[in-house]
Amino acid sequence: MKAKELRQMSAVELKSKLQELRKEMMKQNAQIATGTSVKSPGQVKQTKKTIAKILTIVHSKKIEPVKVTKKETEE
């Protein structure tokens, strides 16, 4: 999933998508641990990247309203 698509999602949608991806990641890790072949090895990397993107976007949304520039504080 692209970051642009993720930024357009609401916080609730991001949270549910994050839970879904984490469940998928657990399944993939279990398959790797048991020695069975994963359907798509590249999917593991892609899932990790998407989880990281979501966490970054959630964190930036929390910080965004608090940002104050130096010029605004001087005036």
Protein backbone atom coordinates (compact mmCIF):
# COMPACT_ATOMS: atom_id res chain seq x y z
CA MET A 1 0.00 0.00 0.00
CA LYS A 2 1.26 3.46 -0.82
CA ALA A 3 1.83 6.10 1.83
CA LYS A 4 -0.46 8.51 -0.01
CA GLU A 5 -3.35 6.06 0.29
CA LEU A 6 -2.61 5.49 3.97
CA ARG A 7 -2.55 9.23 4.77
CA GLN A 8 -6.08 9.56 3.40
CA MET A 9 -7.40 6.94 5.82
CA SER A 10 -8.90 7.88 9.17
CA ALA A 11 -7.29 6.89 12.47
CA VAL A 12 -9.82 4.10 12.99
CA GLU A 13 -9.16 2.68 9.52
CA LEU A 14 -5.41 2.83 10.10
CA LYS A 15 -5.77 1.01 13.41
CA SER A 16 -7.83 -1.79 11.87
CA LYS A 17 -5.42 -2.09 8.93
CA LEU A 18 -2.50 -2.29 11.36
CA GLN A 19 -4.18 -5.10 13.31
CA GLU A 20 -4.92 -6.96 10.09
CA LEU A 21 -1.31 -6.67 8.91
CA ARG A 22 0.08 -7.78 12.27
CA LYS A 23 -2.12 -10.92 12.18
CA GLU A 24 -0.89 -11.62 8.66
CA MET A 25 2.70 -11.13 9.81
CA MET A 26 2.20 -13.61 12.66
CA LYS A 27 0.90 -16.20 10.18
CA GLN A 28 3.88 -15.64 7.90
CA ASN A 29 6.34 -15.90 10.80
CA ALA A 30 4.67 -19.12 11.96
CA GLN A 31 5.04 -20.61 8.49
CA ILE A 32 8.71 -19.65 8.40
CA ALA A 33 9.31 -21.06 11.90
CA THR A 34 7.71 -24.40 11.12
CA GLY A 35 9.73 -24.73 7.94
CA THR A 36 6.86 -24.66 5.48
CA SER A 37 7.32 -22.60 2.39
CA VAL A 38 5.74 -19.17 2.39
CA LYS A 39 3.47 -18.41 -0.56
CA SER A 40 5.48 -15.32 -1.46
CA PRO A 41 8.73 -14.56 0.37
CA GLY A 42 8.62 -10.98 -0.88
CA GLN A 43 5.27 -10.51 0.84
CA VAL A 44 6.95 -10.75 4.26
CA LYS A 45 9.16 -7.75 3.48
CA GLN A 46 6.24 -5.81 2.00
CA THR A 47 4.10 -6.46 5.09
CA LYS A 48 6.86 -5.17 7.38
CA LYS A 49 7.24 -2.01 5.29
CA THR A 50 3.50 -1.34 5.29
CA ILE A 51 3.34 -1.74 9.08
CA ALA A 52 6.20 0.74 9.44
CA LYS A 53 4.46 3.21 7.11
CA ILE A 54 1.25 3.04 9.13
CA LEU A 55 3.07 3.56 12.43
CA THR A 56 4.95 6.54 10.97
CA ILE A 57 1.74 8.13 9.70
CA VAL A 58 -0.08 7.57 13.01
CA HIS A 59 2.82 9.12 14.90
CA SER A 60 3.04 12.12 12.56
CA LYS A 61 -0.71 12.75 12.88
CA LYS A 62 -0.36 12.86 16.66
CA ILE A 63 2.46 15.40 16.51
CA GLU A 64 1.14 17.58 13.67
CA PRO A 65 -1.38 19.76 15.60
CA VAL A 66 1.19 20.49 18.31
CA LYS A 67 3.86 21.91 15.97
CA VAL A 68 4.56 25.59 16.51
CA THR A 69 7.13 27.51 14.53
CA LYS A 70 9.63 29.84 16.11
CA LYS A 71 8.11 32.88 14.38
CA GLU A 72 4.68 32.18 15.88
CA THR A 73 6.06 32.07 19.43
CA GLU A 74 7.93 35.38 19.03
CA GLU A 75 4.87 37.30 17.87
